């Protein structure tokens, strides 16, 4: 028996990312409203996420977009009968595990209510559990002027699920200048590898909530969201130095750790330039060369203009740190077709021939970054 697709069904594509609402069905072909464009798709290439006439329950966990998991869960949902009043609840279905899910990957995402005018949008905070583990967790927040943390949400998110945590407006975003996730992972009714207790804090760059280019579709969302990686394959991702506060935090920690006493007093009013000390310690510097991170709009820019802007970012970073012998800089250029990577390497070879270059950590960046060591 073939699939039954009806107008009004919310569907996702089997062989591509995306989906939408079915507007009409003509034989084996369904027409899908995908962000305002009517796209013809074979019925056999669609899976129903939400049947016509149904609405998503508020604050409900959403299945992640691992296709094999989603298909099995969708089949179970359709076959599940509503229990009669007073009947015992049906036993829990066994967890459908993914190949990569024995390593914890956690993401905090902010989903805007609309993208046409971000200044009027609210933002839904969503926890992504991309693993085969149940996660019992507590999510907390702290504002700019707060001295203590405030608990926002506690609960358990099942394997391979998304869970809504809270909603924020622009007026309440200051409450989440810092966020914290504490959790422990386990499996039910089977043996599992013990994972370390999760205890992660992050500072949010609240200016990004005003910038449309910071919201993008990704692995877990077809609609634009702002994603904050918390864990990647059991490892806490290296945080990019992107704002003054982060640089100040790192500098203060290093100053405290390597504090020297008994030296000559510095004359008042004379500030030392940190760039003048080639032996001073600095954290790894990351520079994201994706054009959306360098400019708010690319309107009127040609491919050549955008490449020139990206290379200018490389050139200015290298110039700034040219005297920092041993300084390590990661330029994130993405994999793509390799044009930007080759251009970056050519620039470094020509203008900074003494600098060491190599592929950055595959575990952290895949094939999409180059590590430079200043010499």
Protein backbone atom coordinates (compact mmCIF):
# COMPACT_ATOMS: atom_id res chain seq x y z
CA UNK A 1 0.00 0.00 0.00
CA UNK A 2 1.40 3.41 -0.94
CA UNK A 3 1.68 6.39 1.33
CA UNK A 4 -1.39 8.49 2.05
CA UNK A 5 -0.57 12.19 1.75
CA UNK A 6 -3.36 14.73 2.07
CA UNK A 7 -3.57 18.51 1.60
CA UNK A 8 -2.82 20.21 4.92
CA UNK A 9 -0.30 17.55 6.07
CA UNK A 10 2.99 18.92 7.39
CA UNK A 11 5.74 16.88 5.75
CA UNK A 12 9.50 16.55 5.55
CA UNK A 13 11.59 15.38 2.62
CA UNK A 14 13.21 11.96 2.79
CA UNK A 15 16.10 12.67 0.44
CA UNK A 16 16.78 16.34 1.26
CA UNK A 17 16.63 18.83 4.09
CA UNK A 18 13.39 20.76 4.40
CA UNK A 19 9.68 20.35 4.14
CA UNK A 20 6.45 22.27 4.53
CA UNK A 21 2.68 21.98 4.15
CA UNK A 22 1.02 20.01 1.34
CA UNK A 23 -1.20 22.31 -0.72
CA UNK A 24 -2.51 19.73 -3.22
CA UNK A 25 -1.95 16.17 -4.41
CA UNK A 26 -2.03 15.10 -8.04
CA UNK A 27 -1.59 11.33 -8.41
CA UNK A 28 1.89 10.39 -7.20
CA UNK A 29 2.97 14.02 -7.03
CA UNK A 30 2.39 16.28 -4.00
CA UNK A 31 2.89 20.04 -4.02
CA UNK A 32 4.57 21.38 -0.87
CA UNK A 33 4.46 24.99 0.33
CA UNK A 34 8.14 25.38 1.29
CA UNK A 35 8.63 28.93 2.66
CA UNK A 36 6.22 30.43 0.15
CA UNK A 37 7.36 28.35 -2.84
CA UNK A 38 5.20 25.49 -4.13
CA UNK A 39 7.58 22.58 -4.70
CA UNK A 40 6.48 19.40 -6.54
CA UNK A 41 7.72 16.26 -4.75
CA UNK A 42 6.99 12.56 -5.25
CA UNK A 43 4.70 11.23 -2.52
CA UNK A 44 7.18 8.41 -1.95
CA UNK A 45 9.82 11.00 -1.00
CA UNK A 46 7.73 12.51 1.80
CA UNK A 47 7.05 11.61 5.42
CA UNK A 48 4.17 13.11 7.40
CA UNK A 49 5.38 14.98 10.48
CA UNK A 50 1.95 16.31 11.49
CA UNK A 51 -1.33 15.21 9.88
CA UNK A 52 -3.77 17.85 8.63
CA UNK A 53 -5.93 19.29 11.40
CA UNK A 54 -3.39 18.61 14.17
CA UNK A 55 -1.43 21.22 16.10
CA UNK A 56 1.88 20.91 17.89
CA UNK A 57 1.43 20.73 21.64
CA UNK A 58 3.01 23.63 23.54
CA UNK A 59 6.18 22.79 25.49
CA UNK A 60 6.33 19.31 23.94
CA UNK A 61 9.55 17.56 22.96
CA UNK A 62 10.17 17.42 19.22
CA UNK A 63 11.82 14.56 17.40
CA UNK A 64 15.20 15.34 15.96
CA UNK A 65 15.89 15.04 12.27
CA UNK A 66 17.71 11.73 12.19
CA UNK A 67 15.66 10.21 9.37
CA UNK A 68 15.79 6.55 10.46
CA UNK A 69 14.79 7.45 14.01
CA UNK A 70 12.06 9.79 12.84
CA UNK A 71 10.50 7.21 10.51
CA UNK A 72 10.34 4.54 13.23
CA UNK A 73 8.91 6.99 15.78
CA UNK A 74 6.37 8.27 13.25
CA UNK A 75 5.21 4.71 12.50
CA UNK A 76 4.78 4.01 16.19
CA UNK A 77 2.85 7.23 16.72
CA UNK A 78 0.39 6.36 13.95
CA UNK A 79 -0.09 2.80 15.22
CA UNK A 80 -0.48 3.76 18.88
CA UNK A 81 -4.09 3.55 20.14
CA UNK A 82 -5.48 6.05 22.63
CA UNK A 83 -6.00 4.12 25.92
CA UNK A 84 -9.53 3.95 27.33
CA UNK A 85 -10.33 5.89 30.49
CA UNK A 86 -8.94 4.07 33.55
CA UNK A 87 -6.75 1.74 31.48
CA UNK A 88 -3.13 1.21 32.44
CA UNK A 89 -0.67 3.26 30.40
CA UNK A 90 1.11 1.44 27.61
CA UNK A 91 4.70 0.39 28.38
CA UNK A 92 7.48 2.65 27.12
CA UNK A 93 8.68 1.88 23.62
CA UNK A 94 12.36 0.86 23.38
CA UNK A 95 14.73 3.64 22.41
CA UNK A 96 15.77 3.71 18.76
CA UNK A 97 19.50 4.48 18.83
CA UNK A 98 21.61 6.28 16.25
CA UNK A 99 25.08 5.23 15.10
CA UNK A 100 26.78 8.32 16.56
CA UNK A 101 24.58 8.62 19.66
CA UNK A 102 26.87 6.93 22.20
CA UNK A 103 28.81 10.21 22.26
CA UNK A 104 26.95 13.10 23.88
CA UNK A 105 26.17 16.08 21.66
CA UNK A 106 24.11 18.85 23.25
CA UNK A 107 23.02 22.13 21.70
CA UNK A 108 21.08 25.09 23.07
CA UNK A 109 19.13 26.79 20.29
CA UNK A 110 17.03 29.94 20.19
CA UNK A 111 14.13 29.81 17.75
CA UNK A 112 12.62 33.21 16.79
CA UNK A 113 8.87 33.55 16.48
CA UNK A 114 9.47 35.47 13.25
CA UNK A 115 12.42 36.66 11.17
CA UNK A 116 10.86 39.48 9.18
CA UNK A 117 11.39 41.89 12.09
CA UNK A 118 13.64 40.48 14.80
CA UNK A 119 13.03 43.51 17.00
CA UNK A 120 9.46 42.27 17.51
CA UNK A 121 10.29 38.57 17.82
CA UNK A 122 10.25 36.35 20.88
CA UNK A 123 12.80 33.55 21.22
CA UNK A 124 12.07 29.97 22.22
CA UNK A 125 15.00 28.32 24.04
CA UNK A 126 15.32 24.66 22.95
CA UNK A 127 17.63 21.94 24.29
CA UNK A 128 18.83 19.44 21.66
CA UNK A 129 19.84 15.99 22.97
CA UNK A 130 21.63 14.36 20.04
CA UNK A 131 22.56 11.13 21.84
CA UNK A 132 21.29 7.69 22.82
CA UNK A 133 21.15 8.72 26.50
CA UNK A 134 18.39 10.05 28.70
CA UNK A 135 19.49 13.35 30.22
CA UNK A 136 18.19 14.57 33.58
CA UNK A 137 19.09 18.23 33.71
CA UNK A 138 18.68 21.65 35.26
CA UNK A 139 18.81 24.78 33.13
CA UNK A 140 19.59 28.07 34.91
CA UNK A 141 20.24 31.66 33.93
CA UNK A 142 21.90 34.79 35.31
CA UNK A 143 21.45 38.40 34.24
CA UNK A 144 23.95 41.20 33.88
CA UNK A 145 23.44 42.52 37.40
CA UNK A 146 22.63 39.23 39.14
CA UNK A 147 24.99 37.76 41.72
CA UNK A 148 23.20 34.40 41.88
CA UNK A 149 21.72 31.91 39.44
CA UNK A 150 17.99 31.40 38.87
CA UNK A 151 16.61 28.01 37.89
CA UNK A 152 14.57 28.12 34.68
CA UNK A 153 13.70 24.48 33.88
CA UNK A 154 14.33 21.01 35.26
CA UNK A 155 13.37 17.77 33.60
CA UNK A 156 14.47 14.76 31.58
CA UNK A 157 14.93 14.84 27.84
CA UNK A 158 14.78 11.48 26.06
CA UNK A 159 17.35 10.26 23.53
CA UNK A 160 17.28 12.00 20.16
CA UNK A 161 14.78 14.65 21.21
CA UNK A 162 14.40 18.40 21.38
CA UNK A 163 12.80 20.00 24.45
CA UNK A 164 11.40 23.52 24.79
CA UNK A 165 12.73 25.27 27.91
CA UNK A 166 11.46 28.87 28.02
CA UNK A 167 10.59 31.91 25.91
CA UNK A 168 12.25 35.32 25.99
CA UNK A 169 11.48 38.69 24.47
CA UNK A 170 13.97 41.45 23.76
CA UNK A 171 12.90 42.99 27.07
CA UNK A 172 13.79 39.84 29.03
CA UNK A 173 16.93 38.77 27.14
CA UNK A 174 19.09 40.54 29.74
CA UNK A 175 18.01 37.82 32.15
CA UNK A 176 20.03 35.24 30.19
CA UNK A 177 23.33 37.04 29.77
CA UNK A 178 24.76 33.80 31.19
CA UNK A 179 23.22 30.31 31.02
CA UNK A 180 24.09 27.06 32.77
CA UNK A 181 23.30 23.40 32.13
CA UNK A 182 23.93 20.74 34.78
CA UNK A 183 23.00 17.17 33.89
CA UNK A 184 23.77 13.47 34.12
CA UNK A 185 23.26 10.91 31.37
CA UNK A 186 22.04 7.31 31.57
CA UNK A 187 20.27 4.57 29.61
CA UNK A 188 17.23 2.61 30.70
CA UNK A 189 17.05 -1.19 30.89
CA UNK A 190 20.49 -1.80 29.39
CA UNK A 191 24.18 -1.38 30.11
CA UNK A 192 25.91 1.82 29.13
CA UNK A 193 29.18 3.70 29.37
CA UNK A 194 29.24 6.06 32.35
CA UNK A 195 29.49 9.70 31.26
CA UNK A 196 30.98 12.53 33.34
CA UNK A 197 28.45 14.84 34.99
CA UNK A 198 27.73 17.78 32.68
CA UNK A 199 28.38 21.22 34.18
CA UNK A 200 28.53 23.90 31.48
CA UNK A 201 28.16 27.67 31.66
CA UNK A 202 28.06 30.02 28.67
CA UNK A 203 27.95 33.76 28.19
CA UNK A 204 25.57 34.78 25.41
CA UNK A 205 26.39 37.50 22.92
CA UNK A 206 23.01 39.24 23.11
CA UNK A 207 23.79 41.47 20.13
CA UNK A 208 23.31 38.43 17.87
CA UNK A 209 19.60 38.38 18.69
CA UNK A 210 19.31 41.57 16.62
CA UNK A 211 21.22 40.25 13.58
CA UNK A 212 19.30 38.19 11.05
CA UNK A 213 22.45 36.62 9.57
CA UNK A 214 23.19 34.97 12.94
CA UNK A 215 20.05 32.82 12.58
CA UNK A 216 20.52 29.89 10.22
CA UNK A 217 18.95 26.49 9.47
CA UNK A 218 21.10 23.59 10.62
CA UNK A 219 21.21 19.89 11.40
CA UNK A 220 18.31 20.02 13.85
CA UNK A 221 16.18 22.86 12.47
CA UNK A 222 14.96 23.65 8.99
CA UNK A 223 13.93 27.15 10.11
CA UNK A 224 16.55 29.76 11.08
CA UNK A 225 17.79 29.47 14.68
CA UNK A 226 20.70 30.75 16.76
CA UNK A 227 22.65 27.69 17.94
CA UNK A 228 24.99 27.49 20.94
CA UNK A 229 26.97 24.19 21.02
CA UNK A 230 27.35 22.84 24.58
CA UNK A 231 28.92 19.41 23.95
CA UNK A 232 30.20 17.79 20.77
CA UNK A 233 30.98 14.06 20.90
CA UNK A 234 31.51 14.14 24.70
CA UNK A 235 33.82 17.17 24.43
CA UNK A 236 33.04 20.78 25.31
CA UNK A 237 33.72 22.80 22.11
CA UNK A 238 36.46 25.39 22.27
CA UNK A 239 34.90 28.79 22.73
CA UNK A 240 35.64 31.43 20.14
CA UNK A 241 36.98 34.78 21.34
CA UNK A 242 34.40 37.08 19.82
CA UNK A 243 33.77 39.86 22.31
CA UNK A 244 35.53 42.07 24.81
CA UNK A 245 34.15 40.33 27.87
CA UNK A 246 35.55 36.96 26.82
CA UNK A 247 38.97 38.41 26.17
CA UNK A 248 38.92 40.15 29.54
CA UNK A 249 37.90 36.93 31.32
CA UNK A 250 40.75 34.99 29.71
CA UNK A 251 43.28 37.72 30.48
CA UNK A 252 42.22 37.92 34.12
CA UNK A 253 42.52 34.16 34.60
CA UNK A 254 45.98 34.09 33.03
CA UNK A 255 47.12 37.09 35.05
CA UNK A 256 46.01 35.39 38.26
CA UNK A 257 47.66 32.10 37.34
CA UNK A 258 51.00 33.58 36.29
CA UNK A 259 51.11 36.53 38.68
CA UNK A 260 54.66 37.74 39.41
CA UNK A 261 55.59 39.67 42.57
CA UNK A 262 58.72 41.52 43.65
CA UNK A 263 59.44 43.16 40.31
CA UNK A 264 59.91 46.85 39.72
CA UNK A 265 56.84 49.04 39.97
CA UNK A 266 55.43 50.33 36.73
CA UNK A 267 55.33 54.07 36.42
CA UNK A 268 51.81 55.43 36.77
CA UNK A 269 50.12 56.49 33.59
CA UNK A 270 52.27 54.26 31.35
CA UNK A 271 50.34 51.32 29.92
CA UNK A 272 52.12 48.31 28.57
CA UNK A 273 51.17 47.17 25.10
CA UNK A 274 50.56 43.38 25.30
CA UNK A 275 51.36 43.02 21.61
CA UNK A 276 54.94 44.17 22.36
CA UNK A 277 55.68 41.08 24.49
CA UNK A 278 56.31 38.09 22.21
CA UNK A 279 56.47 35.64 25.14
CA UNK A 280 53.18 36.56 26.84
CA UNK A 281 50.54 33.81 26.96
CA UNK A 282 47.28 34.23 25.08
CA UNK A 283 44.47 31.77 24.43
CA UNK A 284 43.99 30.30 20.98
CA UNK A 285 42.42 32.84 18.63
CA UNK A 286 39.64 31.76 16.27
CA UNK A 287 38.55 33.88 13.32
CA UNK A 288 35.37 32.82 11.50
CA UNK A 289 35.74 33.83 7.85
CA UNK A 290 32.18 33.00 6.83
CA UNK A 291 30.94 36.16 5.16
CA UNK A 292 27.86 36.36 7.42
CA UNK A 293 30.21 36.78 10.40
CA UNK A 294 32.05 39.68 8.76
CA UNK A 295 29.20 41.84 7.51
CA UNK A 296 25.51 42.35 8.20
CA UNK A 297 24.61 42.39 4.51
CA UNK A 298 26.15 41.30 1.23
CA UNK A 299 23.79 43.41 -0.88
CA UNK A 300 25.61 44.71 -3.95
CA UNK A 301 28.72 42.63 -3.26
CA UNK A 302 30.22 40.35 -5.89
CA UNK A 303 31.96 37.08 -5.10
CA UNK A 304 35.26 38.92 -5.59
CA UNK A 305 34.22 41.62 -3.10
CA UNK A 306 33.29 39.02 -0.49
CA UNK A 307 36.55 37.12 -0.98
CA UNK A 308 38.46 40.38 -0.62
CA UNK A 309 36.69 41.11 2.68
CA UNK A 310 37.52 37.63 3.98
CA UNK A 311 41.19 37.97 3.04
CA UNK A 312 41.30 41.43 4.65
CA UNK A 313 40.14 39.76 7.89
CA UNK A 314 43.05 37.29 7.61
CA UNK A 315 45.51 40.08 6.81
CA UNK A 316 44.40 42.34 9.68
CA UNK A 317 44.50 39.46 12.20
CA UNK A 318 47.98 38.43 11.14
CA UNK A 319 49.21 42.04 11.24
CA UNK A 320 47.82 42.51 14.73
CA UNK A 321 49.58 39.42 16.08
CA UNK A 322 52.70 39.41 13.88
CA UNK A 323 55.00 39.94 16.89
CA UNK A 324 53.42 37.23 19.02
CA UNK A 325 55.89 34.43 18.44
CA UNK A 326 54.17 31.13 19.10
CA UNK A 327 50.65 32.61 18.88
CA UNK A 328 48.22 30.11 17.35
CA UNK A 329 45.35 31.34 15.18
CA UNK A 330 42.59 29.23 13.64
CA UNK A 331 40.99 30.61 10.48
CA UNK A 332 37.60 28.93 9.95
CA UNK A 333 36.91 28.96 6.22
CA UNK A 334 34.58 25.97 5.82
CA UNK A 335 35.02 23.11 3.40
CA UNK A 336 32.99 24.33 0.42
CA UNK A 337 34.76 24.08 -2.93
CA UNK A 338 38.13 25.04 -1.42
CA UNK A 339 38.41 28.50 -3.04
CA UNK A 340 38.65 30.41 0.24
CA UNK A 341 41.05 27.89 1.79
CA UNK A 342 43.43 28.13 -1.16
CA UNK A 343 43.23 31.92 -1.14
CA UNK A 344 44.04 32.04 2.59
CA UNK A 345 47.03 29.72 2.17
CA UNK A 346 48.30 31.72 -0.82
CA UNK A 347 48.07 34.96 1.19
CA UNK A 348 49.92 33.48 4.15
CA UNK A 349 52.65 32.00 1.95
CA UNK A 350 53.18 35.31 0.17
CA UNK A 351 52.88 37.81 3.03
CA UNK A 352 53.84 35.69 6.06
CA UNK A 353 56.20 33.00 4.70
CA UNK A 354 57.65 32.24 8.16
CA UNK A 355 54.26 31.41 9.66
CA UNK A 356 53.52 27.71 10.12
CA UNK A 357 50.30 26.40 8.59
CA UNK A 358 48.49 23.09 8.97
CA UNK A 359 44.96 21.71 9.02
CA UNK A 360 43.25 22.52 12.31
CA UNK A 361 41.91 19.74 14.55
CA UNK A 362 39.63 17.51 12.50
CA UNK A 363 37.66 16.59 15.65
CA UNK A 364 36.77 20.22 16.29
CA UNK A 365 36.61 21.71 12.79
CA UNK A 366 36.39 18.85 10.31
CA UNK A 367 38.07 19.88 7.03
CA UNK A 368 36.98 23.49 7.44
CA UNK A 369 39.81 25.33 9.22
CA UNK A 370 43.52 26.13 9.02
CA UNK A 371 45.79 26.50 12.05
CA UNK A 372 48.50 29.16 11.80
CA UNK A 373 51.46 29.48 14.20
CA UNK A 374 53.18 32.86 14.22
CA UNK A 375 57.01 32.70 13.90
